[in-house]
Amino acid sequence: MAYSRNAAPPPSTRGLGALLGLALLSGGCAPGGAEAQAPPDVVLLVVDTLRSDYMSCYGFDRPTTPVLDALAAGGVVFEDNTSQCSWTKPSMVSMLSGRYVTSYRDRMFEWAPTLAECFQEAGYRTVAVVANTLLGEEAGFTRGYDRYDVSNKPNPERPNKRLARDLDDLQQALWPLLDEALTEQDGERPPLFLVVHAMEPHFPYDLRPELEDELPLGRAEPIRPEQREQFLREGPPAPAEDPGWEQGLLRLQRERGLYARDVREADRQLGLLVERLAERGVGPNAVFALVSDHGESLFEELTPLPAVERSTLPPFKFFYREHGVYMRESLIGTPFLLWGAGVPRGLRVPEPVENVDLFPTLLDLAGLERPWGLHGRSQLPRLEGEPAEERAFVYSAVFQHRAVREVATGLKLVVPTEGGRASGFRTALYDLSADPGELVDLAAERPEEVTRLEAELEAWIRRYPNDSTLGFDLSESERSELDAMGYAGEGGQAKSEDD
């Protein structure tokens, strides 16, 4: 499937009128409408590993997100949003500090206020339930929270791996903390800042056979013909009578289908969460935001190994189904939805935004002062129908690569870092307007564009330098969490389920 940032929305989803009504009752107003009299509650929903092009409200051709479609219809969809990293920890450092991370960093900046600290200092009660256990106290992610719940859930079917809690488990942990936070103080309830960080649809995926009628695995996107030819040409030889040969290629299609089903399950559970929050009074005067830390590569790229090693691998490992190495749009193209108090209804914003914009936007919607030095841009002017500063470029960085996309031309440059060059990666240039799937590298054909965009990327790094935590000694518990989450090391590359 070619990646598209601005696909047309799907037809209206039926049977979700209650949720849509909830979105409209959550204080939504037309641009320029009256502001809420009391400080709004603010609910931030982070869905780990969610690529926007697998959401039906972003144009996916199957019903993966009917609940979020309905909620988004009562709010705002930022159609072109970019995550600042393709791995969780640096991405969340950037998102929760409102600052670019131009050099690898997996710990919060000690000197910069966090989003939660801004709300806490303004008198909000701050609560988080987090499924991704990499986001713990030692890395600074708990700063600013009155209550922060993060833990693993043992899985008896995989005793050597501790897997993250699912959304149902997160909700069970949330309600006691929320009831405490919603307790009145001197006859009034302080406003709430709530973060729920879910892991669905992070690998490993579940079968979810109950979704076969709506999301049949056989309708998932198959491997591209040129990929099949490449595997036959460069992969391991196999006898023609080997029945596992073709089934190995079909497994890629099956995994894509399972990912779509996990997106649908996350959508269902988020609908229940929003309903239950409303039952506790969080909704009538609340701002809701939904974002993701990064997407997922679903076999669109070769696995990052030398060709001689890759040539021995089956299809599932010959192609890349992970995140944290590449800078493809499928990995950094993530959703950004808003609905609720002070948010206009039915607005779709085609202009590019970034995850780093979330911080100032939420503070502005809550009427709070922004701290000095934020790199993101508040989107409140757009929500109020006012002219907004246009972005000429969007940026992302990970341990192995940095990327810059020029909005006007659609040109995207991906440059390996020192660590990426050591792994054999080379500079690549793509024209996303003509090649949204990033299949054709134009770097050799258009060296002048490479030089021009390299200069822009270097200027970005100079404008926003940061200390790297690369080589920082991890504690034993942090190493344990990396292994428990299925990661091979600090750079963020995940292990296969067969490792």
Protein backbone atom coordinates (compact mmCIF):
# COMPACT_ATOMS: atom_id res chain seq x y z
CA MET A 1 0.00 0.00 0.00
CA ALA A 2 1.47 3.34 -1.02
CA TYR A 3 1.66 5.67 1.94
CA SER A 4 -0.60 8.70 1.66
CA ARG A 5 -0.70 11.57 4.14
CA ASN A 6 -3.87 13.16 2.83
CA ALA A 7 -6.19 10.33 1.86
CA ALA A 8 -9.89 11.13 1.79
CA PRO A 9 -11.79 10.19 4.96
CA PRO A 10 -13.99 7.08 4.81
CA PRO A 11 -17.78 7.23 4.69
CA SER A 12 -19.48 8.07 7.99
CA THR A 13 -19.56 5.14 10.40
CA ARG A 14 -23.01 4.07 11.52
CA GLY A 15 -23.87 2.78 15.00
CA LEU A 16 -21.53 5.12 16.84
CA GLY A 17 -23.90 8.00 17.42
CA ALA A 18 -23.47 7.82 21.17
CA LEU A 19 -19.73 8.32 20.96
CA LEU A 20 -20.08 11.09 18.43
CA GLY A 21 -22.64 12.73 20.71
CA LEU A 22 -20.16 12.40 23.56
CA ALA A 23 -17.53 14.19 21.49
CA LEU A 24 -19.95 17.00 20.70
CA LEU A 25 -20.99 17.32 24.34
CA SER A 26 -17.38 17.57 25.46
CA GLY A 27 -17.35 21.30 25.05
CA GLY A 28 -16.58 21.45 21.34
CA CYS A 29 -17.24 24.83 19.79
CA ALA A 30 -16.94 26.52 16.48
CA PRO A 31 -13.76 28.54 15.88
CA GLY A 32 -13.95 31.76 17.84
CA GLY A 33 -16.55 30.36 20.24
CA ALA A 34 -16.67 31.16 23.92
CA GLU A 35 -13.93 29.69 26.06
CA ALA A 36 -14.73 27.31 28.90
CA GLN A 37 -15.21 29.11 32.24
CA ALA A 38 -13.43 26.47 34.30
CA PRO A 39 -10.03 25.00 33.44
CA PRO A 40 -10.68 21.96 31.24
CA ASP A 41 -9.61 18.47 32.09
CA VAL A 42 -6.96 17.29 29.63
CA VAL A 43 -6.74 13.65 28.54
CA LEU A 44 -3.77 12.52 26.48
CA LEU A 45 -4.11 9.11 24.80
CA VAL A 46 -0.83 7.72 23.45
CA VAL A 47 -1.23 4.60 21.31
CA ASP A 48 2.14 2.92 20.89
CA THR A 49 3.24 1.83 17.39
CA LEU A 50 0.20 3.24 15.58
CA ARG A 51 0.77 4.30 11.98
CA SER A 52 -1.84 6.71 10.73
CA ASP A 53 -2.25 5.06 7.33
CA TYR A 54 -3.79 2.01 9.06
CA MET A 55 -6.59 4.15 10.52
CA SER A 56 -9.83 4.49 8.60
CA CYS A 57 -10.14 8.17 9.58
CA TYR A 58 -6.86 8.66 7.69
CA GLY A 59 -8.11 6.85 4.61
CA PHE A 60 -7.38 3.16 5.31
CA ASP A 61 -9.75 1.07 3.19
CA ARG A 62 -10.90 -1.24 6.01
CA PRO A 63 -12.83 -0.40 9.21
CA THR A 64 -9.96 -0.35 11.71
CA THR A 65 -10.96 2.72 13.75
CA PRO A 66 -14.75 3.24 13.78
CA VAL A 67 -14.71 4.67 17.31
CA LEU A 68 -11.91 7.13 16.64
CA ASP A 69 -13.55 8.01 13.32
CA ALA A 70 -16.65 9.07 15.22
CA LEU A 71 -14.72 11.01 17.84
CA ALA A 72 -12.56 12.67 15.19
CA ALA A 73 -15.72 13.72 13.33
CA GLY A 74 -16.54 15.81 16.40
CA GLY A 75 -13.07 17.33 16.52
CA VAL A 76 -9.92 17.88 14.48
CA VAL A 77 -7.82 15.54 12.36
CA PHE A 78 -4.30 16.72 11.56
CA GLU A 79 -3.87 14.85 8.31
CA ASP A 80 -0.09 15.25 7.99
CA ASN A 81 1.58 14.63 11.33
CA THR A 82 5.18 13.53 11.83
CA SER A 83 6.69 11.83 14.86
CA GLN A 84 10.16 12.99 15.83
CA CYS A 85 11.57 9.47 16.14
CA SER A 86 10.79 5.92 15.06
CA TRP A 87 11.51 4.51 18.52
CA THR A 88 9.63 5.08 21.76
CA LYS A 89 12.03 6.64 24.23
CA PRO A 90 13.51 9.47 22.12
CA SER A 91 10.08 10.11 20.61
CA MET A 92 8.47 10.47 24.03
CA VAL A 93 11.35 12.62 25.29
CA SER A 94 10.62 14.99 22.42
CA MET A 95 6.82 14.89 22.79
CA LEU A 96 6.74 15.35 26.56
CA SER A 97 9.35 18.13 26.57
CA GLY A 98 8.11 19.95 23.45
CA ARG A 99 11.65 19.91 22.09
CA TYR A 100 13.47 18.33 19.16
CA VAL A 101 15.93 15.53 19.87
CA THR A 102 18.61 15.97 17.22
CA SER A 103 21.09 13.57 18.84
CA TYR A 104 20.07 10.25 20.33
CA ARG A 105 18.49 10.75 23.75
CA ASP A 106 16.43 8.27 25.75
CA ARG A 107 16.15 10.28 28.99
CA MET A 108 14.11 13.38 29.72
CA PHE A 109 16.07 16.64 29.77
CA GLU A 110 16.89 17.34 33.41
CA TRP A 111 16.65 21.11 32.93
CA ALA A 112 13.48 21.31 30.83
CA PRO A 113 9.98 21.19 32.34
CA THR A 114 7.83 18.26 31.31
CA LEU A 115 4.26 18.57 30.09
CA ALA A 116 3.00 16.99 33.32
CA GLU A 117 5.01 19.44 35.44
CA CYS A 118 3.37 22.38 33.64
CA PHE A 119 -0.08 21.06 34.49
CA GLN A 120 0.90 20.11 38.03
CA GLU A 121 2.29 23.58 38.75
CA ALA A 122 -0.98 25.07 37.46
CA GLY A 123 -2.97 23.16 40.08
CA TYR A 124 -3.96 20.12 38.04
CA ARG A 125 -4.02 16.66 39.51
CA THR A 126 -1.79 14.59 37.30
CA VAL A 127 -2.26 10.84 36.70
CA ALA A 128 -0.73 8.40 34.21
CA VAL A 129 -1.19 4.70 33.52
CA VAL A 130 1.49 3.49 31.14
CA ALA A 131 1.85 0.09 29.48
CA ASN A 132 5.29 0.71 27.98
CA THR A 133 7.64 -0.02 30.85
CA LEU A 134 10.58 1.63 29.12
CA LEU A 135 9.00 4.92 30.24
CA GLY A 136 9.92 4.67 33.90
CA GLU A 137 11.31 6.75 36.72
CA GLU A 138 15.00 6.22 35.99
CA ALA A 139 14.64 7.90 32.59
CA GLY A 140 12.70 10.82 34.09
CA PHE A 141 9.28 10.06 32.60
CA THR A 142 7.48 10.09 35.97
CA ARG A 143 8.30 13.75 36.71
CA GLY A 144 5.27 15.91 37.36
CA TYR A 145 2.77 13.17 38.17
CA ASP A 146 0.88 12.74 41.42
CA ARG A 147 0.28 9.12 40.46
CA TYR A 148 2.21 7.21 37.78
CA ASP A 149 1.47 3.52 37.25
CA VAL A 150 3.81 1.55 34.99
CA SER A 151 4.48 -2.18 35.23
CA ASN A 152 4.75 -5.39 33.24
CA LYS A 153 2.25 -8.22 33.11
CA PRO A 154 3.60 -11.80 33.21
CA ASN A 155 2.48 -13.93 30.28
CA PRO A 156 2.24 -17.65 31.09
CA GLU A 157 2.32 -18.54 27.39
CA ARG A 158 5.73 -16.86 26.99
CA PRO A 159 7.39 -17.36 30.39
CA ASN A 160 10.70 -15.95 29.19
CA LYS A 161 9.11 -12.64 28.20
CA ARG A 162 7.12 -10.19 30.28
CA LEU A 163 4.66 -8.39 28.09
CA ALA A 164 3.06 -5.02 28.55
CA ARG A 165 -0.43 -4.78 29.99
CA ASP A 166 -3.26 -4.47 27.50
CA LEU A 167 -5.81 -1.67 27.56
CA ASP A 168 -8.22 -3.64 29.68
CA ASP A 169 -5.52 -4.11 32.34
CA LEU A 170 -4.62 -0.42 32.12
CA GLN A 171 -8.21 0.59 32.76
CA GLN A 172 -8.44 -1.66 35.80
CA ALA A 173 -5.35 0.06 37.18
CA LEU A 174 -6.68 3.51 36.29
CA TRP A 175 -10.03 3.65 38.07
CA PRO A 176 -8.75 3.66 41.69
CA LEU A 177 -6.17 6.33 40.82
CA LEU A 178 -8.75 8.37 38.97
CA ASP A 179 -11.32 8.15 41.75
CA GLU A 180 -8.68 9.47 44.14
CA ALA A 181 -7.75 12.29 41.77
CA LEU A 182 -11.39 13.29 41.29
CA THR A 183 -12.01 13.73 45.01
CA GLU A 184 -13.24 17.22 45.79
CA GLN A 185 -11.08 19.61 47.73
CA ASP A 186 -12.83 22.40 49.67
CA GLY A 187 -16.01 21.66 47.75
CA GLU A 188 -14.35 21.80 44.33
CA ARG A 189 -12.57 19.28 42.18
CA PRO A 190 -9.21 20.39 40.78
CA PRO A 191 -8.84 19.90 37.02
CA LEU A 192 -7.30 16.65 35.80
CA PHE A 193 -4.36 15.94 33.51
CA LEU A 194 -4.54 12.26 32.55
CA VAL A 195 -2.20 10.23 30.33
CA VAL A 196 -3.04 6.72 29.15
CA HIS A 197 -0.26 5.05 27.14
CA ALA A 198 -1.49 1.85 25.48
CA MET A 199 0.65 -0.78 23.76
CA GLU A 200 -1.82 -2.18 21.29
CA PRO A 201 -0.97 -2.56 18.37
CA HIS A 202 2.66 -3.18 19.37
CA PHE A 203 4.08 -6.57 18.36
CA PRO A 204 3.39 -9.43 19.13
CA TYR A 205 -0.08 -9.31 17.58
CA ASP A 206 -3.09 -11.40 18.61
CA LEU A 207 -5.19 -13.52 16.26
CA ARG A 208 -8.58 -12.02 17.27
CA PRO A 209 -10.67 -14.49 15.21
CA GLU A 210 -13.86 -12.58 16.08
CA LEU A 211 -12.72 -9.94 13.57
CA GLU A 212 -12.42 -12.32 10.62
CA ASP A 213 -15.63 -11.08 8.97
CA GLU A 214 -14.73 -7.39 9.23
CA LEU A 215 -10.96 -7.68 8.84
CA PRO A 216 -10.23 -10.94 6.99
CA LEU A 217 -6.53 -11.77 6.92
CA GLY A 218 -6.82 -12.67 3.25
CA ARG A 219 -7.68 -9.06 2.43
CA ALA A 220 -4.54 -7.66 4.00
CA GLU A 221 -2.06 -6.21 1.56
CA PRO A 222 0.10 -8.94 0.00
CA ILE A 223 3.80 -8.67 -0.65
CA ARG A 224 4.59 -6.47 -3.65
CA PRO A 225 5.61 -8.29 -6.86
CA GLU A 226 9.03 -6.62 -6.88
CA GLN A 227 9.59 -7.76 -3.28
CA ARG A 228 8.71 -11.32 -4.19
CA GLU A 229 11.18 -11.18 -7.07
CA GLN A 230 13.84 -9.71 -4.81
CA PHE A 231 13.42 -12.46 -2.25
CA LEU A 232 13.55 -15.16 -4.93
CA ARG A 233 16.68 -13.52 -6.32
CA GLU A 234 18.52 -12.66 -3.10
CA GLY A 235 17.01 -14.92 -0.46
CA PRO A 236 17.99 -18.49 0.41
CA PRO A 237 17.56 -21.17 -2.24
CA ALA A 238 14.76 -23.64 -1.63
CA PRO A 239 13.57 -26.74 -3.47
CA ALA A 240 10.49 -26.24 -5.59
CA GLU A 241 8.60 -28.88 -3.64
CA ASP A 242 9.11 -27.10 -0.30
CA PRO A 243 5.56 -26.18 0.87
CA GLY A 244 6.90 -23.66 3.36
CA TRP A 245 8.39 -21.46 0.64
CA GLU A 246 5.16 -19.83 -0.52
CA GLN A 247 3.67 -19.94 2.96
CA GLY A 248 6.63 -17.93 4.20
CA LEU A 249 5.73 -15.13 1.81
CA LEU A 250 2.06 -15.36 2.77
CA ARG A 251 3.03 -14.91 6.40
CA LEU A 252 3.92 -11.31 5.64
CA GLN A 253 0.37 -10.67 4.47
CA ARG A 254 -1.00 -12.42 7.55
CA GLU A 255 1.09 -10.26 9.90
CA ARG A 256 -0.21 -7.11 8.24
CA GLY A 257 -3.73 -8.36 8.77
CA LEU A 258 -3.04 -9.10 12.42
CA TYR A 259 -1.64 -5.60 12.90
CA ALA A 260 -4.86 -4.14 11.48
CA ARG A 261 -6.88 -6.25 13.91
CA ASP A 262 -4.83 -5.00 16.85
CA VAL A 263 -5.53 -1.44 15.70
CA ARG A 264 -9.23 -2.31 15.74
CA GLU A 265 -8.99 -3.74 19.27
CA ALA A 266 -7.21 -0.63 20.51
CA ASP A 267 -10.00 1.44 18.94
CA ARG A 268 -12.68 -0.59 20.74
CA GLN A 269 -10.97 -0.33 24.11
CA LEU A 270 -10.37 3.40 23.72
CA GLY A 271 -14.10 3.84 23.10
CA LEU A 272 -14.85 2.06 26.36
CA LEU A 273 -12.29 4.23 28.13
CA VAL A 274 -13.84 7.46 26.86
CA GLU A 275 -17.31 6.29 27.87
CA ARG A 276 -16.17 5.31 31.37
CA LEU A 277 -14.35 8.61 31.82
CA ALA A 278 -17.58 10.41 30.94
CA GLU A 279 -19.42 8.37 33.58
CA ARG A 280 -16.94 9.78 36.13
CA GLY A 281 -17.47 13.33 34.93
CA VAL A 282 -14.41 13.58 32.68
CA GLY A 283 -15.79 14.65 29.33
CA PRO A 284 -18.25 17.55 29.53
CA ASN A 285 -15.35 19.99 29.99
CA ALA A 286 -12.35 18.07 28.74
CA VAL A 287 -9.82 18.27 25.92
CA PHE A 288 -8.86 14.92 24.41
CA ALA A 289 -5.76 14.31 22.30
CA LEU A 290 -4.71 11.09 20.61
CA VAL A 291 -1.18 10.63 19.27
CA SER A 292 1.41 7.89 18.79
CA ASP A 293 5.11 7.67 19.48
CA HIS A 294 5.87 6.04 16.10
CA GLY A 295 4.48 3.67 13.50
CA GLU A 296 5.60 0.23 12.39
CA SER A 297 7.40 -1.13 9.37
CA LEU A 298 5.30 -3.99 8.00
CA PHE A 299 7.85 -5.58 5.66
CA GLU A 300 8.21 -2.54 3.38
CA GLU A 301 11.98 -2.53 3.88
CA LEU A 302 14.86 -5.02 3.94
CA THR A 303 16.02 -6.10 7.36
CA PRO A 304 19.13 -4.09 8.33
CA LEU A 305 21.75 -6.81 7.93
CA PRO A 306 24.58 -7.34 5.43
CA ALA A 307 23.33 -8.96 2.21
CA VAL A 308 25.30 -12.15 2.83
CA GLU A 309 23.57 -12.62 6.21
CA ARG A 310 20.17 -11.61 4.90
CA SER A 311 20.44 -14.17 2.08
CA THR A 312 20.07 -16.98 4.62
CA LEU A 313 16.85 -15.71 6.16
CA PRO A 314 13.22 -16.70 5.54
CA PRO A 315 10.83 -13.99 4.25
CA PHE A 316 9.65 -12.99 7.73
CA LYS A 317 13.19 -12.01 8.64
CA PHE A 318 14.48 -11.07 5.18
CA PHE A 319 12.05 -8.12 5.25
CA TYR A 320 11.75 -5.73 8.20
CA ARG A 321 8.78 -5.83 10.59
CA GLU A 322 9.89 -3.59 13.40
CA HIS A 323 10.69 0.02 14.24
CA GLY A 324 13.59 2.03 15.57
CA VAL A 325 16.03 1.85 12.63
CA TYR A 326 14.53 3.40 9.51
CA MET A 327 12.85 6.75 8.81
CA ARG A 328 10.13 5.60 6.42
CA GLU A 329 6.82 7.46 6.43
CA SER A 330 5.16 4.30 7.74
CA LEU A 331 7.35 4.70 10.83
CA ILE A 332 7.07 8.44 11.44
CA GLY A 333 3.64 9.20 9.94
CA THR A 334 1.45 9.06 13.05
CA PRO A 335 -2.03 10.29 14.05
CA PHE A 336 -2.81 13.55 15.81
CA LEU A 337 -6.48 13.93 16.79
CA LEU A 338 -8.14 16.50 19.05
CA TRP A 339 -11.71 16.75 20.32
CA GLY A 340 -13.53 18.31 23.24
CA ALA A 341 -13.49 21.67 25.00
CA GLY A 342 -12.54 24.56 22.76
CA VAL A 343 -11.89 22.30 19.77
CA PRO A 344 -13.79 22.97 16.53
CA ARG A 345 -15.89 20.16 15.07
CA GLY A 346 -15.30 18.41 11.81
CA LEU A 347 -12.03 20.16 10.93
CA ARG A 348 -9.39 18.40 8.85
CA VAL A 349 -6.02 20.20 8.73
CA PRO A 350 -3.90 19.31 5.68
CA GLU A 351 -0.92 21.46 6.64
CA PRO A 352 1.99 19.55 8.21
CA VAL A 353 2.34 19.37 12.00
CA GLU A 354 4.68 17.44 14.27
CA ASN A 355 4.40 15.59 17.57
CA VAL A 356 6.52 18.33 19.12
CA ASP A 357 3.50 20.64 18.61
CA LEU A 358 1.38 18.71 21.11
CA PHE A 359 2.96 20.33 24.18
CA PRO A 360 2.19 24.01 23.37
CA THR A 361 -1.18 23.15 21.84
CA LEU A 362 -2.48 21.43 24.98
CA LEU A 363 -1.20 24.23 27.22
CA ASP A 364 -2.91 26.83 25.05
CA LEU A 365 -6.20 24.89 25.03
CA ALA A 366 -6.04 24.78 28.84
CA GLY A 367 -5.23 28.49 29.04
CA LEU A 368 -1.86 27.87 30.70
CA GLU A 369 1.37 29.77 30.23
CA ARG A 370 3.98 28.07 28.08
CA PRO A 371 7.50 27.60 29.42
CA TRP A 372 10.37 29.27 27.61
CA GLY A 373 12.17 27.55 24.77
CA LEU A 374 9.61 25.14 23.34
CA HIS A 375 10.42 24.04 19.80
CA GLY A 376 6.89 23.00 18.85
CA ARG A 377 4.24 25.35 17.49
CA SER A 378 0.83 25.68 19.05
CA GLN A 379 -1.97 24.75 16.68
CA LEU A 380 -4.53 26.87 18.56
CA PRO A 381 -4.52 29.60 15.87
CA ARG A 382 -5.63 27.05 13.27
CA LEU A 383 -8.36 25.81 15.61
CA GLU A 384 -9.62 29.37 15.98
CA GLY A 385 -9.61 30.00 12.24
CA GLU A 386 -6.62 32.32 12.35
CA PRO A 387 -3.63 32.26 9.98
CA ALA A 388 -0.85 30.03 11.24
CA GLU A 389 2.85 30.00 10.47
CA GLU A 390 3.50 27.52 7.70
CA ARG A 391 6.17 24.88 8.04
CA ALA A 392 8.74 24.60 5.28
CA PHE A 393 10.30 21.39 6.65
CA VAL A 394 9.55 18.57 9.08
CA TYR A 395 12.25 16.61 10.90
CA SER A 396 12.90 13.29 12.62
CA ALA A 397 15.92 11.51 14.07
CA VAL A 398 16.81 8.09 15.44
CA PHE A 399 20.08 6.39 16.39
CA GLN A 400 20.89 5.35 12.81
CA HIS A 401 19.32 8.14 10.74
CA ARG A 402 18.09 11.73 10.54
CA ALA A 403 15.44 12.83 8.07
CA VAL A 404 14.10 16.09 6.67
CA ARG A 405 11.07 16.51 4.39
CA GLU A 406 10.55 19.66 2.35
CA VAL A 407 6.85 20.42 2.34
CA ALA A 408 6.68 22.43 -0.90
CA THR A 409 8.49 19.87 -3.08
CA GLY A 410 7.72 16.60 -1.28
CA LEU A 411 11.43 15.78 -1.29
CA LYS A 412 12.64 13.77 1.70
CA LEU A 413 16.28 13.26 2.57
CA VAL A 414 17.41 10.48 4.92
CA VAL A 415 21.00 10.78 6.14
CA PRO A 416 22.75 8.12 8.23
CA THR A 417 24.32 9.17 11.50
CA GLU A 418 27.78 8.02 12.42
CA GLY A 419 26.21 4.90 13.89
CA GLY A 420 24.16 4.39 10.73
CA ARG A 421 27.21 4.69 8.48
CA ALA A 422 29.00 2.12 10.62
CA SER A 423 26.09 -0.22 9.88
CA GLY A 424 26.40 0.35 6.14
CA PHE A 425 23.52 2.79 5.58
CA ARG A 426 23.78 5.43 2.85
CA THR A 427 22.12 8.76 2.18
CA ALA A 428 18.80 8.42 0.33
CA LEU A 429 16.52 10.93 -1.40
CA TYR A 430 12.84 10.32 -2.16
CA ASP A 431 10.20 12.32 -3.98
CA LEU A 432 7.10 11.58 -1.90
CA SER A 433 4.80 13.44 -4.27
CA ALA A 434 5.58 10.93 -7.04
CA ASP A 435 6.78 8.01 -4.91
CA PRO A 436 4.86 7.90 -1.61
CA GLY A 437 6.05 4.34 -0.98
CA GLU A 438 9.71 5.46 -0.94
CA LEU A 439 10.70 2.84 -3.49
CA VAL A 440 13.04 4.89 -5.71
CA ASP A 441 16.21 6.44 -4.26
CA LEU A 442 17.06 9.58 -6.26
CA ALA A 443 20.25 10.54 -4.39
CA ALA A 444 22.59 9.62 -7.25
CA GLU A 445 20.40 11.34 -9.87
CA ARG A 446 19.83 14.60 -7.98
CA PRO A 447 23.03 15.42 -6.04
CA GLU A 448 22.21 19.14 -5.92
CA GLU A 449 19.01 18.42 -3.99
CA VAL A 450 20.92 16.16 -1.64
CA THR A 451 23.42 18.93 -0.94
CA ARG A 452 20.67 21.52 -0.40
CA LEU A 453 18.67 19.35 2.02
CA GLU A 454 21.80 18.20 3.84
CA ALA A 455 22.51 21.85 4.57
CA GLU A 456 18.98 22.29 5.93
CA LEU A 457 19.36 19.22 8.15
CA GLU A 458 22.69 20.47 9.47
CA ALA A 459 21.16 23.88 10.20
CA TRP A 460 18.36 22.15 12.16
CA ILE A 461 20.92 20.29 14.26
CA ARG A 462 22.81 23.53 14.96
CA ARG A 463 19.60 25.34 15.94
CA TYR A 464 18.51 22.61 18.34
CA PRO A 465 21.57 20.84 19.74
CA ASN A 466 21.16 18.43 22.62
CA ASP A 467 23.37 16.24 24.74
CA SER A 468 23.23 12.61 23.71
CA THR A 469 22.68 9.79 26.18
CA LEU A 470 24.31 7.29 23.84
CA GLY A 471 26.68 5.16 25.90
CA PHE A 472 24.94 6.11 29.15
CA ASP A 473 25.20 3.16 31.51
CA LEU A 474 21.81 1.50 31.84
CA SER A 475 20.76 0.18 35.21
CA GLU A 476 20.04 -3.51 35.58
CA SER A 477 16.32 -2.82 35.77
CA GLU A 478 16.43 -0.78 32.54
CA ARG A 479 18.25 -3.57 30.73
CA SER A 480 15.69 -6.00 32.08
CA GLU A 481 12.85 -3.85 30.76
CA LEU A 482 14.45 -3.63 27.32
CA ASP A 483 14.69 -7.40 27.19
CA ALA A 484 11.18 -7.83 28.55
CA MET A 485 9.82 -5.59 25.80
CA GLY A 486 11.65 -7.63 23.17
CA TYR A 487 14.40 -5.13 22.32
CA ALA A 488 17.93 -6.11 21.47
CA GLY A 489 19.62 -3.03 22.88
CA GLU A 490 19.77 0.70 23.41
CA GLY A 491 19.26 1.63 19.77
CA GLY A 492 15.70 0.42 19.84
CA GLN A 493 15.74 -2.43 17.34
CA ALA A 494 13.19 -5.01 18.35
CA LYS A 495 13.69 -8.76 18.29
CA SER A 496 11.61 -11.12 16.22
CA GLU A 497 9.28 -13.47 18.04
CA ASP A 498 11.46 -16.28 16.69
CA ASP A 499 14.67 -14.96 18.26
